[in-house]
Amino acid sequence: MASRACDGCDTNVSIAGGIANIWSQESRPTEGIVLELADDTEHFLCYDCIDRLPDDQEVTAADVAALSAQTDD
């Protein structure tokens, strides 16, 4: 399985669709998805970062940038 860095926390997580482990039959779940946000930007986020997004407003790129600032603290 391939991996990709989360746009929120910069952690490498597993993603489906890669051929890295095609011969080993290793099965790992996808740990993130690409979201299209209210401001028409797209960001790949891990499930932990998705859980940290605000629930009470339209999510924008500024909210993703805020996730990165939270992990730097």
N, C-alpha and C. Protein backbone atom coordinates (compact mmCIF):
# COMPACT_ATOMS: atom_id res chain seq x y z
N MET A 1 0.83 -1.17 0.00
CA MET A 1 0.00 0.00 0.00
C MET A 1 0.89 1.25 0.00
N ALA A 2 0.47 2.25 -0.68
CA ALA A 2 1.21 3.50 -0.75
C ALA A 2 0.89 4.35 0.47
N SER A 3 1.65 5.42 0.63
CA SER A 3 1.36 6.34 1.72
C SER A 3 1.39 7.77 1.20
N ARG A 4 0.81 8.66 1.98
CA ARG A 4 0.74 10.07 1.62
C ARG A 4 0.73 10.88 2.90
N ALA A 5 1.31 12.07 2.85
CA ALA A 5 1.34 12.95 4.03
C ALA A 5 0.01 13.67 4.18
N CYS A 6 -0.48 13.71 5.39
CA CYS A 6 -1.71 14.43 5.71
C CYS A 6 -1.43 15.93 5.61
N ASP A 7 -2.34 16.68 4.99
CA ASP A 7 -2.18 18.12 4.88
C ASP A 7 -2.38 18.83 6.22
N GLY A 8 -2.98 18.15 7.18
CA GLY A 8 -3.23 18.76 8.48
C GLY A 8 -2.10 18.57 9.47
N CYS A 9 -1.57 17.35 9.56
CA CYS A 9 -0.55 17.07 10.59
C CYS A 9 0.78 16.60 10.00
N ASP A 10 0.84 16.43 8.68
CA ASP A 10 2.04 16.02 7.95
C ASP A 10 2.51 14.61 8.30
N THR A 11 1.63 13.79 8.86
CA THR A 11 1.93 12.40 9.16
C THR A 11 1.68 11.56 7.92
N ASN A 12 2.59 10.65 7.59
CA ASN A 12 2.37 9.73 6.47
C ASN A 12 1.38 8.65 6.87
N VAL A 13 0.32 8.51 6.07
CA VAL A 13 -0.70 7.50 6.35
C VAL A 13 -0.90 6.64 5.11
N SER A 14 -1.41 5.44 5.30
CA SER A 14 -1.66 4.50 4.20
C SER A 14 -2.83 4.97 3.35
N ILE A 15 -2.66 4.80 2.03
CA ILE A 15 -3.76 5.10 1.10
C ILE A 15 -3.94 3.91 0.16
N ALA A 16 -5.15 3.72 -0.28
CA ALA A 16 -5.45 2.62 -1.20
C ALA A 16 -5.03 3.01 -2.60
N GLY A 17 -4.86 2.02 -3.44
CA GLY A 17 -4.60 2.27 -4.84
C GLY A 17 -3.15 2.09 -5.27
N GLY A 18 -2.26 1.96 -4.34
CA GLY A 18 -0.86 1.76 -4.71
C GLY A 18 -0.57 0.31 -5.02
N ILE A 19 0.55 0.07 -5.70
CA ILE A 19 0.92 -1.31 -6.03
C ILE A 19 2.13 -1.77 -5.21
N ALA A 20 2.47 -1.01 -4.17
CA ALA A 20 3.68 -1.29 -3.40
C ALA A 20 3.69 -2.70 -2.82
N ASN A 21 2.56 -3.21 -2.38
CA ASN A 21 2.51 -4.52 -1.72
C ASN A 21 1.65 -5.51 -2.49
N ILE A 22 1.58 -5.38 -3.80
CA ILE A 22 0.71 -6.25 -4.59
C ILE A 22 1.12 -7.71 -4.48
N TRP A 23 2.40 -8.00 -4.37
CA TRP A 23 2.85 -9.39 -4.31
C TRP A 23 2.81 -9.97 -2.91
N SER A 24 2.85 -9.13 -1.89
CA SER A 24 2.87 -9.66 -0.52
C SER A 24 1.46 -9.91 0.02
N GLN A 25 0.44 -9.40 -0.67
CA GLN A 25 -0.94 -9.54 -0.22
C GLN A 25 -1.20 -8.86 1.12
N GLU A 26 -0.32 -7.92 1.50
CA GLU A 26 -0.52 -7.19 2.75
C GLU A 26 -1.77 -6.33 2.62
N SER A 27 -2.61 -6.36 3.64
CA SER A 27 -3.84 -5.59 3.61
C SER A 27 -3.86 -4.63 4.79
N ARG A 28 -3.82 -3.34 4.49
CA ARG A 28 -3.92 -2.32 5.52
C ARG A 28 -5.03 -1.36 5.12
N PRO A 29 -5.79 -0.87 6.08
CA PRO A 29 -6.89 0.04 5.72
C PRO A 29 -6.37 1.41 5.29
N THR A 30 -7.14 2.08 4.45
CA THR A 30 -6.84 3.46 4.10
C THR A 30 -7.04 4.32 5.34
N GLU A 31 -6.10 5.22 5.60
CA GLU A 31 -6.13 6.01 6.83
C GLU A 31 -6.44 7.48 6.59
N GLY A 32 -6.95 7.84 5.42
CA GLY A 32 -7.30 9.22 5.13
C GLY A 32 -8.01 9.33 3.79
N ILE A 33 -8.56 10.52 3.52
CA ILE A 33 -9.27 10.77 2.27
C ILE A 33 -9.04 12.22 1.82
N VAL A 34 -9.30 12.46 0.55
CA VAL A 34 -9.26 13.82 0.01
C VAL A 34 -10.64 14.43 0.20
N LEU A 35 -10.67 15.61 0.80
CA LEU A 35 -11.93 16.33 1.00
C LEU A 35 -11.95 17.59 0.14
N GLU A 36 -13.07 17.87 -0.50
CA GLU A 36 -13.27 19.15 -1.18
C GLU A 36 -13.99 20.06 -0.20
N LEU A 37 -13.38 21.18 0.11
CA LEU A 37 -13.90 22.07 1.15
C LEU A 37 -14.78 23.17 0.57
N ALA A 38 -15.41 23.93 1.44
CA ALA A 38 -16.37 24.96 1.05
C ALA A 38 -15.76 26.03 0.16
N ASP A 39 -14.44 26.26 0.27
CA ASP A 39 -13.78 27.28 -0.55
C ASP A 39 -13.20 26.70 -1.84
N ASP A 40 -13.69 25.53 -2.24
CA ASP A 40 -13.28 24.84 -3.47
C ASP A 40 -11.82 24.39 -3.48
N THR A 41 -11.20 24.24 -2.32
CA THR A 41 -9.87 23.66 -2.23
C THR A 41 -10.01 22.19 -1.88
N GLU A 42 -9.00 21.40 -2.22
CA GLU A 42 -8.98 19.98 -1.87
C GLU A 42 -7.78 19.70 -0.99
N HIS A 43 -8.00 18.88 0.04
CA HIS A 43 -6.93 18.56 0.98
C HIS A 43 -7.04 17.09 1.37
N PHE A 44 -5.88 16.43 1.42
CA PHE A 44 -5.83 15.05 1.91
C PHE A 44 -5.64 15.12 3.42
N LEU A 45 -6.57 14.53 4.17
CA LEU A 45 -6.51 14.55 5.63
C LEU A 45 -6.66 13.15 6.20
N CYS A 46 -5.90 12.87 7.25
CA CYS A 46 -6.06 11.61 7.97
C CYS A 46 -7.35 11.69 8.79
N TYR A 47 -7.82 10.55 9.23
CA TYR A 47 -9.08 10.53 9.96
C TYR A 47 -9.01 11.28 11.28
N ASP A 48 -7.85 11.29 11.94
CA ASP A 48 -7.70 12.05 13.18
C ASP A 48 -7.88 13.55 12.93
N CYS A 49 -7.30 14.05 11.86
CA CYS A 49 -7.45 15.47 11.54
C CYS A 49 -8.88 15.80 11.12
N ILE A 50 -9.53 14.90 10.39
CA ILE A 50 -10.93 15.11 10.01
C ILE A 50 -11.78 15.26 11.27
N ASP A 51 -11.50 14.45 12.28
CA ASP A 51 -12.25 14.53 13.54
C ASP A 51 -12.03 15.86 14.25
N ARG A 52 -10.90 16.53 13.99
CA ARG A 52 -10.59 17.78 14.66
C ARG A 52 -11.11 19.01 13.91
N LEU A 53 -11.70 18.83 12.73
CA LEU A 53 -12.26 19.94 11.98
C LEU A 53 -13.52 20.46 12.67
N PRO A 54 -13.83 21.75 12.52
CA PRO A 54 -15.02 22.30 13.17
C PRO A 54 -16.31 21.69 12.62
N ASP A 55 -17.26 21.47 13.52
CA ASP A 55 -18.55 20.90 13.15
C ASP A 55 -19.62 21.97 12.94
N ASP A 56 -19.35 23.18 13.39
CA ASP A 56 -20.38 24.22 13.42
C ASP A 56 -20.26 25.26 12.30
N GLN A 57 -19.44 24.98 11.29
CA GLN A 57 -19.25 25.93 10.19
C GLN A 57 -18.78 25.19 8.95
N GLU A 58 -18.83 25.88 7.81
CA GLU A 58 -18.27 25.34 6.57
C GLU A 58 -16.76 25.29 6.73
N VAL A 59 -16.16 24.17 6.41
CA VAL A 59 -14.71 23.99 6.57
C VAL A 59 -13.99 24.58 5.35
N THR A 60 -12.89 25.32 5.61
CA THR A 60 -12.10 25.96 4.56
C THR A 60 -10.62 25.61 4.73
N ALA A 61 -9.81 26.07 3.80
CA ALA A 61 -8.36 25.85 3.86
C ALA A 61 -7.77 26.45 5.14
N ALA A 62 -8.35 27.53 5.64
CA ALA A 62 -7.87 28.14 6.88
C ALA A 62 -8.00 27.17 8.05
N ASP A 63 -9.05 26.36 8.05
CA ASP A 63 -9.24 25.36 9.12
C ASP A 63 -8.17 24.27 9.02
N VAL A 64 -7.78 23.89 7.80
CA VAL A 64 -6.72 22.90 7.62
C VAL A 64 -5.39 23.48 8.10
N ALA A 65 -5.14 24.75 7.78
CA ALA A 65 -3.92 25.41 8.25
C ALA A 65 -3.89 25.48 9.76
N ALA A 66 -5.04 25.67 10.39
CA ALA A 66 -5.12 25.71 11.85
C ALA A 66 -4.77 24.35 12.45
N LEU A 67 -5.09 23.26 11.76
CA LEU A 67 -4.73 21.93 12.24
C LEU A 67 -3.21 21.80 12.31
N SER A 68 -2.54 22.29 11.29
CA SER A 68 -1.09 22.24 11.25
C SER A 68 -0.50 23.05 12.40
N ALA A 69 -1.07 24.19 12.69
CA ALA A 69 -0.58 25.02 13.80
C ALA A 69 -0.80 24.33 15.15
N GLN A 70 -1.88 23.56 15.28
CA GLN A 70 -2.17 22.84 16.53
C GLN A 70 -1.13 21.75 16.77
N THR A 71 -0.68 21.09 15.72
CA THR A 71 0.29 20.00 15.90
C THR A 71 1.69 20.52 16.16
N ASP A 72 1.95 21.80 15.81
CA ASP A 72 3.27 22.39 16.06
C ASP A 72 3.46 22.80 17.51
N ASP A 73 2.36 22.94 18.25
CA ASP A 73 2.44 23.37 19.66
C ASP A 73 3.02 22.32 20.56
